[in-house]
Amino acid sequence: FLVVSRGVDGPDATALGARIRAALSVPAEISA
């Protein structure tokens, strides 16, 4: 996947990566 975020650099880019990492660190509940 690729995320595109306008007007973001420096610390905001760092924060964006951290938020995505946190969101994708929780186990996923699927039908299996």
PDB file of all heavy atoms in Angstrom:
ATOM      1  N   PHE A   1       0.850  -1.183   0.000  1.00  0.00           N
ATOM      2  CA  PHE A   1       0.000   0.000   0.000  1.00  0.00           C
ATOM      3  C   PHE A   1       0.893   1.243   0.000  1.00  0.00           C
ATOM      4  O   PHE A   1       2.057   1.191   0.428  1.00  0.00           O
ATOM      5  CB  PHE A   1      -0.902   0.033   1.241  1.00  0.00           C
ATOM      6  CG  PHE A   1      -1.912  -1.083   1.296  1.00  0.00           C
ATOM      7  CD1 PHE A   1      -1.549  -2.349   1.762  1.00  0.00           C
ATOM      8  CD2 PHE A   1      -3.223  -0.870   0.906  1.00  0.00           C
ATOM      9  CE1 PHE A   1      -2.474  -3.380   1.828  1.00  0.00           C
ATOM     10  CE2 PHE A   1      -4.155  -1.897   0.957  1.00  0.00           C
ATOM     11  CZ  PHE A   1      -3.779  -3.153   1.420  1.00  0.00           C
ATOM     12  N   LEU A   2       0.323   2.368  -0.481  1.00  0.00           N
ATOM     13  CA  LEU A   2       1.045   3.634  -0.448  1.00  0.00           C
ATOM     14  C   LEU A   2       0.095   4.706   0.080  1.00  0.00           C
ATOM     15  O   LEU A   2      -1.020   4.855  -0.420  1.00  0.00           O
ATOM     16  CB  LEU A   2       1.539   4.034  -1.845  1.00  0.00           C
ATOM     17  CG  LEU A   2       2.459   5.258  -1.887  1.00  0.00           C
ATOM     18  CD1 LEU A   2       3.824   4.904  -1.303  1.00  0.00           C
ATOM     19  CD2 LEU A   2       2.618   5.775  -3.316  1.00  0.00           C
ATOM     20  N   VAL A   3       0.563   5.413   1.106  1.00  0.00           N
ATOM     21  CA  VAL A   3      -0.199   6.524   1.669  1.00  0.00           C
ATOM     22  C   VAL A   3       0.404   7.826   1.151  1.00  0.00           C
ATOM     23  O   VAL A   3       1.626   8.013   1.187  1.00  0.00           O
ATOM     24  CB  VAL A   3      -0.157   6.500   3.211  1.00  0.00           C
ATOM     25  CG1 VAL A   3      -0.814   7.748   3.790  1.00  0.00           C
ATOM     26  CG2 VAL A   3      -0.840   5.246   3.739  1.00  0.00           C
ATOM     27  N   VAL A   4      -0.433   8.743   0.653  1.00  0.00           N
ATOM     28  CA  VAL A   4       0.000  10.053   0.162  1.00  0.00           C
ATOM     29  C   VAL A   4      -0.644  11.114   1.041  1.00  0.00           C
ATOM     30  O   VAL A   4      -1.874  11.162   1.166  1.00  0.00           O
ATOM     31  CB  VAL A   4      -0.404  10.265  -1.307  1.00  0.00           C
ATOM     32  CG1 VAL A   4       0.051  11.637  -1.799  1.00  0.00           C
ATOM     33  CG2 VAL A   4       0.163   9.159  -2.186  1.00  0.00           C
ATOM     34  N   SER A   5       0.188  11.964   1.653  1.00  0.00           N
ATOM     35  CA  SER A   5      -0.312  12.983   2.577  1.00  0.00           C
ATOM     36  C   SER A   5       0.270  14.340   2.198  1.00  0.00           C
ATOM     37  O   SER A   5       1.477  14.570   2.304  1.00  0.00           O
ATOM     38  CB  SER A   5       0.075  12.617   4.016  1.00  0.00           C
ATOM     39  OG  SER A   5      -0.527  13.500   4.938  1.00  0.00           O
ATOM     40  N   ARG A   6      -0.584  15.248   1.731  1.00  0.00           N
ATOM     41  CA  ARG A   6      -0.147  16.582   1.320  1.00  0.00           C
ATOM     42  C   ARG A   6       0.171  17.450   2.533  1.00  0.00           C
ATOM     43  O   ARG A   6      -0.476  17.353   3.574  1.00  0.00           O
ATOM     44  CB  ARG A   6      -1.232  17.285   0.498  1.00  0.00           C
ATOM     45  CG  ARG A   6      -1.546  16.624  -0.846  1.00  0.00           C
ATOM     46  CD  ARG A   6      -2.676  17.389  -1.525  1.00  0.00           C
ATOM     47  NE  ARG A   6      -3.002  16.894  -2.859  1.00  0.00           N
ATOM     48  CZ  ARG A   6      -3.814  15.892  -3.092  1.00  0.00           C
ATOM     49  NH1 ARG A   6      -4.387  15.247  -2.081  1.00  0.00           N
ATOM     50  NH2 ARG A   6      -4.057  15.493  -4.342  1.00  0.00           N
ATOM     51  N   GLY A   7       1.155  18.347   2.365  1.00  0.00           N
ATOM     52  CA  GLY A   7       1.466  19.343   3.389  1.00  0.00           C
ATOM     53  C   GLY A   7       2.069  18.754   4.645  1.00  0.00           C
ATOM     54  O   GLY A   7       1.965  19.354   5.719  1.00  0.00           O
ATOM     55  N   VAL A   8       2.706  17.605   4.532  1.00  0.00           N
ATOM     56  CA  VAL A   8       3.281  16.931   5.708  1.00  0.00           C
ATOM     57  C   VAL A   8       4.773  16.746   5.487  1.00  0.00           C
ATOM     58  O   VAL A   8       5.199  16.241   4.439  1.00  0.00           O
ATOM     59  CB  VAL A   8       2.610  15.572   5.946  1.00  0.00           C
ATOM     60  CG1 VAL A   8       3.338  14.796   7.054  1.00  0.00           C
ATOM     61  CG2 VAL A   8       1.142  15.767   6.304  1.00  0.00           C
ATOM     62  N   ASP A   9       5.597  17.161   6.454  1.00  0.00           N
ATOM     63  CA  ASP A   9       7.038  16.881   6.427  1.00  0.00           C
ATOM     64  C   ASP A   9       7.564  16.938   7.848  1.00  0.00           C
ATOM     65  O   ASP A   9       6.815  17.190   8.800  1.00  0.00           O
ATOM     66  CB  ASP A   9       7.780  17.881   5.518  1.00  0.00           C
ATOM     67  CG  ASP A   9       7.745  19.307   6.059  1.00  0.00           C
ATOM     68  OD1 ASP A   9       6.983  19.569   7.022  1.00  0.00           O
ATOM     69  OD2 ASP A   9       8.476  20.155   5.517  1.00  0.00           O
ATOM     70  N   GLY A  10       8.849  16.691   8.000  1.00  0.00           N
ATOM     71  CA  GLY A  10       9.499  16.793   9.313  1.00  0.00           C
ATOM     72  C   GLY A  10       8.810  15.973  10.381  1.00  0.00           C
ATOM     73  O   GLY A  10       8.479  14.798  10.191  1.00  0.00           O
ATOM     74  N   PRO A  11       8.554  16.613  11.534  1.00  0.00           N
ATOM     75  CA  PRO A  11       7.921  15.893  12.656  1.00  0.00           C
ATOM     76  C   PRO A  11       6.561  15.310  12.292  1.00  0.00           C
ATOM     77  O   PRO A  11       6.184  14.250  12.794  1.00  0.00           O
ATOM     78  CB  PRO A  11       7.791  16.978  13.729  1.00  0.00           C
ATOM     79  CG  PRO A  11       8.841  17.995  13.382  1.00  0.00           C
ATOM     80  CD  PRO A  11       8.917  17.993  11.893  1.00  0.00           C
ATOM     81  N   ASP A  12       5.826  15.999  11.427  1.00  0.00           N
ATOM     82  CA  ASP A  12       4.505  15.480  11.048  1.00  0.00           C
ATOM     83  C   ASP A  12       4.626  14.177  10.264  1.00  0.00           C
ATOM     84  O   ASP A  12       3.798  13.271  10.402  1.00  0.00           O
ATOM     85  CB  ASP A  12       3.762  16.515  10.199  1.00  0.00           C
ATOM     86  CG  ASP A  12       3.345  17.731  11.017  1.00  0.00           C
ATOM     87  OD1 ASP A  12       3.205  17.596  12.237  1.00  0.00           O
ATOM     88  OD2 ASP A  12       3.160  18.805  10.417  1.00  0.00           O
ATOM     89  N   ALA A  13       5.669  14.070   9.444  1.00  0.00           N
ATOM     90  CA  ALA A  13       5.895  12.828   8.716  1.00  0.00           C
ATOM     91  C   ALA A  13       6.228  11.709   9.689  1.00  0.00           C
ATOM     92  O   ALA A  13       5.781  10.566   9.543  1.00  0.00           O
ATOM     93  CB  ALA A  13       7.024  13.010   7.702  1.00  0.00           C
ATOM     94  N   THR A  14       7.020  12.036  10.707  1.00  0.00           N
ATOM     95  CA  THR A  14       7.358  11.048  11.728  1.00  0.00           C
ATOM     96  C   THR A  14       6.116  10.580  12.471  1.00  0.00           C
ATOM     97  O   THR A  14       5.912   9.375  12.709  1.00  0.00           O
ATOM     98  CB  THR A  14       8.361  11.659  12.731  1.00  0.00           C
ATOM     99  OG1 THR A  14       9.525  12.069  12.028  1.00  0.00           O
ATOM    100  CG2 THR A  14       8.734  10.654  13.798  1.00  0.00           C
ATOM    101  N   ALA A  15       5.254  11.547  12.815  1.00  0.00           N
ATOM    102  CA  ALA A  15       4.023  11.209  13.540  1.00  0.00           C
ATOM    103  C   ALA A  15       3.100  10.354  12.678  1.00  0.00           C
ATOM    104  O   ALA A  15       2.432   9.438  13.172  1.00  0.00           O
ATOM    105  CB  ALA A  15       3.315  12.492  13.972  1.00  0.00           C
ATOM    106  N   LEU A  16       3.047  10.668  11.372  1.00  0.00           N
ATOM    107  CA  LEU A  16       2.207   9.884  10.465  1.00  0.00           C
ATOM    108  C   LEU A  16       2.666   8.428  10.444  1.00  0.00           C
ATOM    109  O   LEU A  16       1.853   7.494  10.530  1.00  0.00           O
ATOM    110  CB  LEU A  16       2.271  10.486   9.059  1.00  0.00           C
ATOM    111  CG  LEU A  16       1.542   9.719   7.948  1.00  0.00           C
ATOM    112  CD1 LEU A  16       0.050   9.651   8.246  1.00  0.00           C
ATOM    113  CD2 LEU A  16       1.784  10.363   6.580  1.00  0.00           C
ATOM    114  N   GLY A  17       3.981   8.203  10.310  1.00  0.00           N
ATOM    115  CA  GLY A  17       4.479   6.833  10.312  1.00  0.00           C
ATOM    116  C   GLY A  17       4.159   6.114  11.606  1.00  0.00           C
ATOM    117  O   GLY A  17       3.805   4.924  11.606  1.00  0.00           O
ATOM    118  N   ALA A  18       4.255   6.830  12.738  1.00  0.00           N
ATOM    119  CA  ALA A  18       3.977   6.211  14.040  1.00  0.00           C
ATOM    120  C   ALA A  18       2.502   5.815  14.148  1.00  0.00           C
ATOM    121  O   ALA A  18       2.170   4.751  14.692  1.00  0.00           O
ATOM    122  CB  ALA A  18       4.363   7.181  15.156  1.00  0.00           C
ATOM    123  N   ARG A  19       1.591   6.674  13.666  1.00  0.00           N
ATOM    124  CA  ARG A  19       0.163   6.355  13.743  1.00  0.00           C
ATOM    125  C   ARG A  19      -0.167   5.124  12.913  1.00  0.00           C
ATOM    126  O   ARG A  19      -0.928   4.244  13.326  1.00  0.00           O
ATOM    127  CB  ARG A  19      -0.684   7.542  13.243  1.00  0.00           C
ATOM    128  CG  ARG A  19      -0.692   8.737  14.160  1.00  0.00           C
ATOM    129  CD  ARG A  19      -1.894   9.650  13.877  1.00  0.00           C
ATOM    130  NE  ARG A  19      -2.011  10.018  12.460  1.00  0.00           N
ATOM    131  CZ  ARG A  19      -1.405  11.054  11.910  1.00  0.00           C
ATOM    132  NH1 ARG A  19      -0.577  11.806  12.645  1.00  0.00           N
ATOM    133  NH2 ARG A  19      -1.589  11.339  10.636  1.00  0.00           N
ATOM    134  N   ILE A  20       0.438   5.038  11.731  1.00  0.00           N
ATOM    135  CA  ILE A  20       0.174   3.879  10.879  1.00  0.00           C
ATOM    136  C   ILE A  20       0.725   2.615  11.529  1.00  0.00           C
ATOM    137  O   ILE A  20       0.065   1.553  11.517  1.00  0.00           O
ATOM    138  CB  ILE A  20       0.785   4.113   9.477  1.00  0.00           C
ATOM    139  CG1 ILE A  20       0.045   5.250   8.759  1.00  0.00           C
ATOM    140  CG2 ILE A  20       0.733   2.838   8.647  1.00  0.00           C
ATOM    141  CD1 ILE A  20       0.653   5.631   7.431  1.00  0.00           C
ATOM    142  N   ARG A  21       1.931   2.704  12.109  1.00  0.00           N
ATOM    143  CA  ARG A  21       2.512   1.538  12.768  1.00  0.00           C
ATOM    144  C   ARG A  21       1.604   1.048  13.890  1.00  0.00           C
ATOM    145  O   ARG A  21       1.357  -0.156  14.040  1.00  0.00           O
ATOM    146  CB  ARG A  21       3.887   1.901  13.342  1.00  0.00           C
ATOM    147  CG  ARG A  21       4.517   0.767  14.159  1.00  0.00           C
ATOM    148  CD  ARG A  21       5.865   1.205  14.710  1.00  0.00           C
ATOM    149  NE  ARG A  21       6.465   0.159  15.512  1.00  0.00           N
ATOM    150  CZ  ARG A  21       6.241  -0.032  16.814  1.00  0.00           C
ATOM    151  NH1 ARG A  21       5.394   0.767  17.447  1.00  0.00           N
ATOM    152  NH2 ARG A  21       6.832  -1.025  17.462  1.00  0.00           N
ATOM    153  N   ALA A  22       1.089   2.003  14.703  1.00  0.00           N
ATOM    154  CA  ALA A  22       0.212   1.626  15.816  1.00  0.00           C
ATOM    155  C   ALA A  22      -1.057   0.954  15.315  1.00  0.00           C
ATOM    156  O   ALA A  22      -1.533  -0.047  15.884  1.00  0.00           O
ATOM    157  CB  ALA A  22      -0.127   2.858  16.648  1.00  0.00           C
ATOM    158  N   ALA A  23      -1.637   1.481  14.228  1.00  0.00           N
ATOM    159  CA  ALA A  23      -2.888   0.922  13.703  1.00  0.00           C
ATOM    160  C   ALA A  23      -2.694  -0.483  13.179  1.00  0.00           C
ATOM    161  O   ALA A  23      -3.616  -1.321  13.234  1.00  0.00           O
ATOM    162  CB  ALA A  23      -3.432   1.831  12.603  1.00  0.00           C
ATOM    163  N   LEU A  24      -1.472  -0.770  12.654  1.00  0.00           N
ATOM    164  CA  LEU A  24      -1.233  -2.076  12.053  1.00  0.00           C
ATOM    165  C   LEU A  24      -0.514  -3.028  12.993  1.00  0.00           C
ATOM    166  O   LEU A  24      -0.014  -4.067  12.557  1.00  0.00           O
ATOM    167  CB  LEU A  24      -0.419  -1.900  10.764  1.00  0.00           C
ATOM    168  CG  LEU A  24      -1.087  -1.058   9.663  1.00  0.00           C
ATOM    169  CD1 LEU A  24      -0.202  -1.002   8.430  1.00  0.00           C
ATOM    170  CD2 LEU A  24      -2.468  -1.593   9.311  1.00  0.00           C
ATOM    171  N   SER A  25      -0.485  -2.711  14.260  1.00  0.00           N
ATOM    172  CA  SER A  25       0.186  -3.583  15.238  1.00  0.00           C
ATOM    173  C   SER A  25      -0.805  -4.398  16.049  1.00  0.00           C
ATOM    174  O   SER A  25      -0.396  -5.199  16.897  1.00  0.00           O
ATOM    175  CB  SER A  25       1.048  -2.742  16.193  1.00  0.00           C
ATOM    176  OG  SER A  25       2.068  -2.071  15.487  1.00  0.00           O
ATOM    177  N   VAL A  26      -2.083  -4.203  15.825  1.00  0.00           N
ATOM    178  CA  VAL A  26      -3.117  -4.922  16.579  1.00  0.00           C
ATOM    179  C   VAL A  26      -3.580  -6.109  15.745  1.00  0.00           C
ATOM    180  O   VAL A  26      -3.812  -5.965  14.533  1.00  0.00           O
ATOM    181  CB  VAL A  26      -4.298  -3.989  16.890  1.00  0.00           C
ATOM    182  CG1 VAL A  26      -5.388  -4.733  17.644  1.00  0.00           C
ATOM    183  CG2 VAL A  26      -3.820  -2.777  17.672  1.00  0.00           C
ATOM    184  N   PRO A  27      -3.723  -7.272  16.297  1.00  0.00           N
ATOM    185  CA  PRO A  27      -4.187  -8.445  15.538  1.00  0.00           C
ATOM    186  C   PRO A  27      -5.506  -8.163  14.823  1.00  0.00           C
ATOM    187  O   PRO A  27      -6.355  -7.412  15.313  1.00  0.00           O
ATOM    188  CB  PRO A  27      -4.342  -9.515  16.616  1.00  0.00           C
ATOM    189  CG  PRO A  27      -3.389  -9.109  17.688  1.00  0.00           C
ATOM    190  CD  PRO A  27      -3.415  -7.611  17.713  1.00  0.00           C
ATOM    191  N   ALA A  28      -5.678  -8.770  13.675  1.00  0.00           N
ATOM    192  CA  ALA A  28      -6.882  -8.580  12.877  1.00  0.00           C
ATOM    193  C   ALA A  28      -7.868  -9.705  13.126  1.00  0.00           C
ATOM    194  O   ALA A  28      -7.487 -10.884  13.163  1.00  0.00           O
ATOM    195  CB  ALA A  28      -6.517  -8.527  11.396  1.00  0.00           C
ATOM    196  N   GLU A  29      -9.122  -9.322  13.307  1.00  0.00           N
ATOM    197  CA  GLU A  29     -10.181 -10.311  13.497  1.00  0.00           C
ATOM    198  C   GLU A  29     -10.830 -10.601  12.152  1.00  0.00           C
ATOM    199  O   GLU A  29     -11.499  -9.757  11.569  1.00  0.00           O
ATOM    200  CB  GLU A  29     -11.214  -9.787  14.486  1.00  0.00           C
ATOM    201  CG  GLU A  29     -10.713  -9.633  15.905  1.00  0.00           C
ATOM    202  CD  GLU A  29     -10.430 -10.974  16.564  1.00  0.00           C
ATOM    203  OE1 GLU A  29     -10.994 -12.005  16.100  1.00  0.00           O
ATOM    204  OE2 GLU A  29      -9.661 -10.989  17.532  1.00  0.00           O
ATOM    205  N   ILE A  30     -10.613 -11.789  11.622  1.00  0.00           N
ATOM    206  CA  ILE A  30     -11.224 -12.198  10.365  1.00  0.00           C
ATOM    207  C   ILE A  30     -12.076 -13.429  10.614  1.00  0.00           C
ATOM    208  O   ILE A  30     -12.126 -13.949  11.746  1.00  0.00           O
ATOM    209  CB  ILE A  30     -10.149 -12.462   9.287  1.00  0.00           C
ATOM    210  CG1 ILE A  30      -9.230 -13.611   9.727  1.00  0.00           C
ATOM    211  CG2 ILE A  30      -9.338 -11.201   9.010  1.00  0.00           C
ATOM    212  CD1 ILE A  30      -8.208 -13.992   8.653  1.00  0.00           C
ATOM    213  N   SER A  31     -12.752 -13.928   9.599  1.00  0.00           N
ATOM    214  CA  SER A  31     -13.676 -15.053   9.797  1.00  0.00           C
ATOM    215  C   SER A  31     -12.965 -16.304  10.275  1.00  0.00           C
ATOM    216  O   SER A  31     -13.576 -17.160  10.945  1.00  0.00           O
ATOM    217  CB  SER A  31     -14.417 -15.340   8.489  1.00  0.00           C
ATOM    218  OG  SER A  31     -13.500 -15.610   7.444  1.00  0.00           O
ATOM    219  N   ALA A  32     -11.674 -16.427   9.968  1.00  0.00           N
ATOM    220  CA  ALA A  32     -10.917 -17.602  10.409  1.00  0.00           C
ATOM    221  C   ALA A  32     -10.387 -17.440  11.820  1.00  0.00           C
ATOM    222  O   ALA A  32      -9.769 -18.360  12.366  1.00  0.00           O
ATOM    223  CB  ALA A  32      -9.746 -17.862   9.458  1.00  0.00           C
TER     224      ALA A  32
END
